[in-house]
Amino acid sequence: MIHHVEGVLTEKEAGRVVIEVGGVGLEVMVTDATWHRVGAPGESVRLLTHLSVREDSWTLFGFLREEERHLYRLLLGVQGVGPRMALAVLAGLPVAKLKSAVAEGDVKALSTISGVGKKIAQRLIVDLRDKVGELPTSDEFPIPADGSAFVPERDDAVDALVALGYPRGAARDAVRVVRTPGSADSPVEDVVREALRRL
């Protein structure tokens, strides 16, 4: 089991990224949402992963949050849903809307996802309705709210707060709030000072 990968983003193409870890380039399949939020080539990145092993291939799938990965794994347990379709389902609707559609038995909403017909939509509802409410949530890899900036996993301000004893998740949240768009060039000391006020 590969829990996560952390390294330098070296390639970024639609649906996939390549992360260099110790001189080895790992190809990771991702949703469009993750692709947009993961950063730019040359930046440090960390993704939670799921390794799909088949006779003819080993494929890594990457996620920003534990909730996304857990839902992906639940989707794999549905008859007729393979690794790539499960990723397509996650890409088709935001996690919150996907959970809501399953919980409410909304076949129409689920059928709008590319590759998901009425039969698969019904299976998703039957198999996952009692499970989506138990999905874990995590702020380790938070998705920025509108108007806030994305903070990479390796960030000097975050590292400084962690060195002061704060949990990385809480430190990233505080830095994210401080680093609004347009403030990317703020000195690290100023960011840390302002973030401390929010911790």
C-alpha atoms as a PDB file:
ATOM      1  CA  MET A   1       0.000   0.000   0.000  1.00  0.00           C
ATOM      2  CA  ILE A   2       1.304   3.446  -0.950  1.00  0.00           C
ATOM      3  CA  HIS A   3      -0.350   5.884   1.470  1.00  0.00           C
ATOM      4  CA  HIS A   4       0.845   9.072  -0.197  1.00  0.00           C
ATOM      5  CA  VAL A   5       3.510  10.515  -2.464  1.00  0.00           C
ATOM      6  CA  GLU A   6       5.430  13.702  -1.767  1.00  0.00           C
ATOM      7  CA  GLY A   7       7.937  15.300  -4.077  1.00  0.00           C
ATOM      8  CA  VAL A   8       8.360  17.783  -6.921  1.00  0.00           C
ATOM      9  CA  LEU A   9       5.683  18.145  -9.580  1.00  0.00           C
ATOM     10  CA  THR A  10       7.512  17.670 -12.887  1.00  0.00           C
ATOM     11  CA  GLU A  11       4.703  17.122 -15.403  1.00  0.00           C
ATOM     12  CA  LYS A  12       1.073  18.179 -15.490  1.00  0.00           C
ATOM     13  CA  GLU A  13      -1.263  17.055 -18.250  1.00  0.00           C
ATOM     14  CA  ALA A  14      -5.029  16.653 -18.301  1.00  0.00           C
ATOM     15  CA  GLY A  15      -5.989  13.884 -15.885  1.00  0.00           C
ATOM     16  CA  ARG A  16      -2.465  13.083 -14.769  1.00  0.00           C
ATOM     17  CA  VAL A  17       0.569  14.486 -12.982  1.00  0.00           C
ATOM     18  CA  VAL A  18       4.104  13.212 -12.532  1.00  0.00           C
ATOM     19  CA  ILE A  19       5.743  13.618  -9.140  1.00  0.00           C
ATOM     20  CA  GLU A  20       9.470  13.041  -8.776  1.00  0.00           C
ATOM     21  CA  VAL A  21      10.353  11.252  -5.555  1.00  0.00           C
ATOM     22  CA  GLY A  22      14.002  10.407  -4.930  1.00  0.00           C
ATOM     23  CA  GLY A  23      14.863  10.484  -8.629  1.00  0.00           C
ATOM     24  CA  VAL A  24      11.850   8.369  -9.631  1.00  0.00           C
ATOM     25  CA  GLY A  25       8.948   9.904 -11.543  1.00  0.00           C
ATOM     26  CA  LEU A  26       5.580   8.591 -10.355  1.00  0.00           C
ATOM     27  CA  GLU A  27       2.604   9.023 -12.671  1.00  0.00           C
ATOM     28  CA  VAL A  28      -0.569   9.760 -10.707  1.00  0.00           C
ATOM     29  CA  MET A  29      -4.065   9.904 -12.209  1.00  0.00           C
ATOM     30  CA  VAL A  30      -6.213  12.724 -10.777  1.00  0.00           C
ATOM     31  CA  THR A  31      -9.579  14.433 -11.210  1.00  0.00           C
ATOM     32  CA  ASP A  32      -9.814  17.846 -12.889  1.00  0.00           C
ATOM     33  CA  ALA A  33     -10.418  19.491  -9.513  1.00  0.00           C
ATOM     34  CA  THR A  34      -7.247  17.985  -8.049  1.00  0.00           C
ATOM     35  CA  TRP A  35      -5.326  18.808 -11.219  1.00  0.00           C
ATOM     36  CA  HIS A  36      -6.238  22.493 -10.910  1.00  0.00           C
ATOM     37  CA  ARG A  37      -5.378  22.688  -7.200  1.00  0.00           C
ATOM     38  CA  VAL A  38      -2.202  20.639  -7.104  1.00  0.00           C
ATOM     39  CA  GLY A  39       0.096  23.501  -8.081  1.00  0.00           C
ATOM     40  CA  ALA A  40       2.509  24.168 -10.937  1.00  0.00           C
ATOM     41  CA  PRO A  41       5.507  22.189 -12.252  1.00  0.00           C
ATOM     42  CA  GLY A  42       8.536  22.776 -10.061  1.00  0.00           C
ATOM     43  CA  GLU A  43       6.499  23.075  -6.865  1.00  0.00           C
ATOM     44  CA  SER A  44       6.460  20.591  -4.009  1.00  0.00           C
ATOM     45  CA  VAL A  45       3.302  18.521  -3.829  1.00  0.00           C
ATOM     46  CA  ARG A  46       1.836  15.819  -1.615  1.00  0.00           C
ATOM     47  CA  LEU A  47      -1.093  13.613  -2.613  1.00  0.00           C
ATOM     48  CA  LEU A  48      -2.907  10.827  -0.818  1.00  0.00           C
ATOM     49  CA  THR A  49      -2.905   7.814  -3.114  1.00  0.00           C
ATOM     50  CA  HIS A  50      -4.653   4.593  -3.981  1.00  0.00           C
ATOM     51  CA  LEU A  51      -2.729   1.919  -5.869  1.00  0.00           C
ATOM     52  CA  SER A  52      -4.763  -0.131  -8.342  1.00  0.00           C
ATOM     53  CA  VAL A  53      -3.043  -3.424  -9.175  1.00  0.00           C
ATOM     54  CA  ARG A  54      -4.083  -5.409 -12.233  1.00  0.00           C
ATOM     55  CA  GLU A  55      -2.437  -8.188 -14.197  1.00  0.00           C
ATOM     56  CA  ASP A  56      -1.249  -5.808 -16.895  1.00  0.00           C
ATOM     57  CA  SER A  57      -0.698  -2.591 -14.947  1.00  0.00           C
ATOM     58  CA  TRP A  58      -0.178  -0.801 -11.639  1.00  0.00           C
ATOM     59  CA  THR A  59      -1.851   2.610 -11.517  1.00  0.00           C
ATOM     60  CA  LEU A  60      -1.669   5.315  -8.841  1.00  0.00           C
ATOM     61  CA  PHE A  61      -4.661   7.572  -8.236  1.00  0.00           C
ATOM     62  CA  GLY A  62      -4.175  10.782  -6.235  1.00  0.00           C
ATOM     63  CA  PHE A  63      -6.408  12.826  -3.928  1.00  0.00           C
ATOM     64  CA  LEU A  64      -6.138  16.041  -1.928  1.00  0.00           C
ATOM     65  CA  ARG A  65      -8.303  14.906   0.987  1.00  0.00           C
ATOM     66  CA  GLU A  66      -8.939  11.677   2.871  1.00  0.00           C
ATOM     67  CA  GLU A  67     -12.667  12.088   2.294  1.00  0.00           C
ATOM     68  CA  GLU A  68     -12.107  11.941  -1.467  1.00  0.00           C
ATOM     69  CA  ARG A  69      -9.896   8.864  -1.268  1.00  0.00           C
ATOM     70  CA  HIS A  70     -12.289   7.049   1.051  1.00  0.00           C
ATOM     71  CA  LEU A  71     -15.235   7.783  -1.246  1.00  0.00           C
ATOM     72  CA  TYR A  72     -13.152   6.578  -4.208  1.00  0.00           C
ATOM     73  CA  ARG A  73     -12.545   3.286  -2.431  1.00  0.00           C
ATOM     74  CA  LEU A  74     -16.244   2.939  -1.639  1.00  0.00           C
ATOM     75  CA  LEU A  75     -17.021   3.476  -5.321  1.00  0.00           C
ATOM     76  CA  LEU A  76     -14.665   0.639  -6.244  1.00  0.00           C
ATOM     77  CA  GLY A  77     -16.875  -1.697  -4.213  1.00  0.00           C
ATOM     78  CA  VAL A  78     -19.871  -1.020  -6.456  1.00  0.00           C
ATOM     79  CA  GLN A  79     -20.471  -3.656  -9.132  1.00  0.00           C
ATOM     80  CA  GLY A  80     -19.555  -2.339 -12.567  1.00  0.00           C
ATOM     81  CA  VAL A  81     -17.383   0.506 -11.260  1.00  0.00           C
ATOM     82  CA  GLY A  82     -13.677   0.152 -11.987  1.00  0.00           C
ATOM     83  CA  PRO A  83     -10.752   2.407 -11.022  1.00  0.00           C
ATOM     84  CA  ARG A  84     -11.153   4.865 -13.887  1.00  0.00           C
ATOM     85  CA  MET A  85     -14.932   5.050 -13.668  1.00  0.00           C
ATOM     86  CA  ALA A  86     -14.659   5.685  -9.923  1.00  0.00           C
ATOM     87  CA  LEU A  87     -12.352   8.616 -10.715  1.00  0.00           C
ATOM     88  CA  ALA A  88     -14.810   9.844 -13.361  1.00  0.00           C
ATOM     89  CA  VAL A  89     -17.629   9.746 -10.784  1.00  0.00           C
ATOM     90  CA  LEU A  90     -15.568  11.880  -8.385  1.00  0.00           C
ATOM     91  CA  ALA A  91     -14.779  14.249 -11.242  1.00  0.00           C
ATOM     92  CA  GLY A  92     -18.422  14.450 -12.271  1.00  0.00           C
ATOM     93  CA  LEU A  93     -19.775  15.985  -9.064  1.00  0.00           C
ATOM     94  CA  PRO A  94     -18.208  17.763  -6.080  1.00  0.00           C
ATOM     95  CA  VAL A  95     -17.895  15.398  -3.095  1.00  0.00           C
ATOM     96  CA  ALA A  96     -20.651  17.151  -1.129  1.00  0.00           C
ATOM     97  CA  LYS A  97     -23.101  16.989  -4.052  1.00  0.00           C
ATOM     98  CA  LEU A  98     -22.172  13.398  -4.812  1.00  0.00           C
ATOM     99  CA  LYS A  99     -22.832  12.370  -1.211  1.00  0.00           C
ATOM    100  CA  SER A 100     -26.115  14.270  -1.233  1.00  0.00           C
ATOM    101  CA  ALA A 101     -27.253  12.683  -4.508  1.00  0.00           C
ATOM    102  CA  VAL A 102     -26.523   9.196  -3.173  1.00  0.00           C
ATOM    103  CA  ALA A 103     -28.154   9.847   0.193  1.00  0.00           C
ATOM    104  CA  GLU A 104     -31.284  11.289  -1.432  1.00  0.00           C
ATOM    105  CA  GLY A 105     -31.522   8.635  -4.147  1.00  0.00           C
ATOM    106  CA  ASP A 106     -31.174  11.239  -6.903  1.00  0.00           C
ATOM    107  CA  VAL A 107     -30.739   9.001  -9.969  1.00  0.00           C
ATOM    108  CA  LYS A 108     -31.092  11.970 -12.320  1.00  0.00           C
ATOM    109  CA  ALA A 109     -28.189  13.875 -10.776  1.00  0.00           C
ATOM    110  CA  LEU A 110     -25.931  10.827 -10.777  1.00  0.00           C
ATOM    111  CA  SER A 111     -26.846  10.037 -14.381  1.00  0.00           C
ATOM    112  CA  THR A 112     -25.456  13.407 -15.484  1.00  0.00           C
ATOM    113  CA  ILE A 113     -21.950  12.080 -14.768  1.00  0.00           C
ATOM    114  CA  SER A 114     -20.162  10.986 -17.931  1.00  0.00           C
ATOM    115  CA  GLY A 115     -20.207   7.188 -18.252  1.00  0.00           C
ATOM    116  CA  VAL A 116     -22.830   6.690 -15.539  1.00  0.00           C
ATOM    117  CA  GLY A 117     -26.152   5.405 -16.829  1.00  0.00           C
ATOM    118  CA  LYS A 118     -29.359   4.802 -14.921  1.00  0.00           C
ATOM    119  CA  LYS A 119     -28.371   1.270 -13.908  1.00  0.00           C
ATOM    120  CA  ILE A 120     -24.995   2.312 -12.446  1.00  0.00           C
ATOM    121  CA  ALA A 121     -26.635   5.299 -10.749  1.00  0.00           C
ATOM    122  CA  GLN A 122     -29.119   2.975  -9.044  1.00  0.00           C
ATOM    123  CA  ARG A 123     -26.300   0.681  -7.921  1.00  0.00           C
ATOM    124  CA  LEU A 124     -24.426   3.627  -6.444  1.00  0.00           C
ATOM    125  CA  ILE A 125     -27.482   4.554  -4.423  1.00  0.00           C
ATOM    126  CA  VAL A 126     -28.230   1.033  -3.205  1.00  0.00           C
ATOM    127  CA  ASP A 127     -24.625   0.189  -2.325  1.00  0.00           C
ATOM    128  CA  LEU A 128     -23.489   3.524  -0.867  1.00  0.00           C
ATOM    129  CA  ARG A 129     -26.549   5.179   0.676  1.00  0.00           C
ATOM    130  CA  ASP A 130     -25.800   3.794   4.153  1.00  0.00           C
ATOM    131  CA  LYS A 131     -22.073   4.496   3.858  1.00  0.00           C
ATOM    132  CA  VAL A 132     -21.684   8.072   2.599  1.00  0.00           C
ATOM    133  CA  GLY A 133     -22.727   9.557   5.936  1.00  0.00           C
ATOM    134  CA  GLU A 134     -19.824   7.804   7.617  1.00  0.00           C
ATOM    135  CA  LEU A 135     -17.129   9.272   5.387  1.00  0.00           C
ATOM    136  CA  PRO A 136     -14.176  10.720   7.304  1.00  0.00           C
ATOM    137  CA  THR A 137     -13.356  14.379   6.943  1.00  0.00           C
ATOM    138  CA  SER A 138      -9.867  15.802   7.074  1.00  0.00           C
ATOM    139  CA  ASP A 139      -8.299  19.247   7.046  1.00  0.00           C
ATOM    140  CA  GLU A 140      -4.902  17.818   6.203  1.00  0.00           C
ATOM    141  CA  PHE A 141      -5.467  18.655   2.544  1.00  0.00           C
ATOM    142  CA  PRO A 142      -8.134  21.391   2.642  1.00  0.00           C
ATOM    143  CA  ILE A 143      -9.744  22.726  -0.518  1.00  0.00           C
ATOM    144  CA  PRO A 144      -9.582  26.524  -0.499  1.00  0.00           C
ATOM    145  CA  ALA A 145     -12.844  28.430  -0.264  1.00  0.00           C
ATOM    146  CA  ASP A 146     -13.570  31.044  -2.911  1.00  0.00           C
ATOM    147  CA  GLY A 147     -11.292  34.020  -2.515  1.00  0.00           C
ATOM    148  CA  SER A 148      -8.562  32.217  -0.580  1.00  0.00           C
ATOM    149  CA  ALA A 149      -5.193  31.059  -1.801  1.00  0.00           C
ATOM    150  CA  PHE A 150      -3.975  27.494  -2.245  1.00  0.00           C
ATOM    151  CA  VAL A 151      -1.146  26.695   0.135  1.00  0.00           C
ATOM    152  CA  PRO A 152       1.268  23.925  -0.969  1.00  0.00           C
ATOM    153  CA  GLU A 153       2.067  21.176   1.513  1.00  0.00           C
ATOM    154  CA  ARG A 154       5.657  22.472   1.727  1.00  0.00           C
ATOM    155  CA  ASP A 155       5.407  26.141   2.624  1.00  0.00           C
ATOM    156  CA  ASP A 156       7.927  28.158   4.647  1.00  0.00           C
ATOM    157  CA  ALA A 157       5.249  29.839   6.740  1.00  0.00           C
ATOM    158  CA  VAL A 158       3.522  26.520   7.457  1.00  0.00           C
ATOM    159  CA  ASP A 159       6.857  24.888   8.334  1.00  0.00           C
ATOM    160  CA  ALA A 160       7.631  27.733  10.734  1.00  0.00           C
ATOM    161  CA  LEU A 161       4.304  27.256  12.528  1.00  0.00           C
ATOM    162  CA  VAL A 162       4.835  23.490  12.711  1.00  0.00           C
ATOM    163  CA  ALA A 163       8.280  24.145  14.233  1.00  0.00           C
ATOM    164  CA  LEU A 164       6.480  26.196  16.886  1.00  0.00           C
ATOM    165  CA  GLY A 165       4.407  23.154  17.759  1.00  0.00           C
ATOM    166  CA  TYR A 166       1.181  23.679  15.797  1.00  0.00           C
ATOM    167  CA  PRO A 167      -0.417  20.765  13.854  1.00  0.00           C
ATOM    168  CA  ARG A 168       0.335  20.988  10.127  1.00  0.00           C
ATOM    169  CA  GLY A 169      -3.350  20.961   9.181  1.00  0.00           C
ATOM    170  CA  ALA A 170      -4.150  23.875  11.495  1.00  0.00           C
ATOM    171  CA  ALA A 171      -1.045  25.743  10.340  1.00  0.00           C
ATOM    172  CA  ARG A 172      -2.005  25.368   6.669  1.00  0.00           C
ATOM    173  CA  ASP A 173      -5.548  26.571   7.366  1.00  0.00           C
ATOM    174  CA  ALA A 174      -4.268  29.671   9.159  1.00  0.00           C
ATOM    175  CA  VAL A 175      -1.758  30.469   6.402  1.00  0.00           C
ATOM    176  CA  ARG A 176      -4.417  29.914   3.731  1.00  0.00           C
ATOM    177  CA  VAL A 177      -6.677  32.491   5.365  1.00  0.00           C
ATOM    178  CA  VAL A 178      -3.825  35.005   5.589  1.00  0.00           C
ATOM    179  CA  ARG A 179      -2.587  34.445   2.051  1.00  0.00           C
ATOM    180  CA  THR A 180      -5.470  35.874   0.096  1.00  0.00           C
ATOM    181  CA  PRO A 181      -4.992  36.373  -3.652  1.00  0.00           C
ATOM    182  CA  GLY A 182      -2.650  39.295  -4.215  1.00  0.00           C
ATOM    183  CA  SER A 183      -0.656  38.728  -1.044  1.00  0.00           C
ATOM    184  CA  ALA A 184       1.599  35.998  -2.409  1.00  0.00           C
ATOM    185  CA  ASP A 185       4.664  38.249  -2.130  1.00  0.00           C
ATOM    186  CA  SER A 186       4.165  39.017   1.572  1.00  0.00           C
ATOM    187  CA  PRO A 187       7.273  38.277   3.698  1.00  0.00           C
ATOM    188  CA  VAL A 188       7.146  34.932   5.481  1.00  0.00           C
ATOM    189  CA  GLU A 189       7.580  36.676   8.845  1.00  0.00           C
ATOM    190  CA  ASP A 190       4.456  38.781   8.254  1.00  0.00           C
ATOM    191  CA  VAL A 191       2.448  35.735   7.186  1.00  0.00           C
ATOM    192  CA  VAL A 192       3.533  33.789  10.271  1.00  0.00           C
ATOM    193  CA  ARG A 193       2.779  36.718  12.579  1.00  0.00           C
ATOM    194  CA  GLU A 194      -0.734  37.146  11.151  1.00  0.00           C
ATOM    195  CA  ALA A 195      -1.380  33.376  11.114  1.00  0.00           C
ATOM    196  CA  LEU A 196      -0.436  33.150  14.799  1.00  0.00           C
ATOM    197  CA  ARG A 197      -3.332  35.482  15.584  1.00  0.00           C
ATOM    198  CA  ARG A 198      -5.698  32.899  14.083  1.00  0.00           C
ATOM    199  CA  LEU A 199      -4.323  29.903  15.966  1.00  0.00           C
END
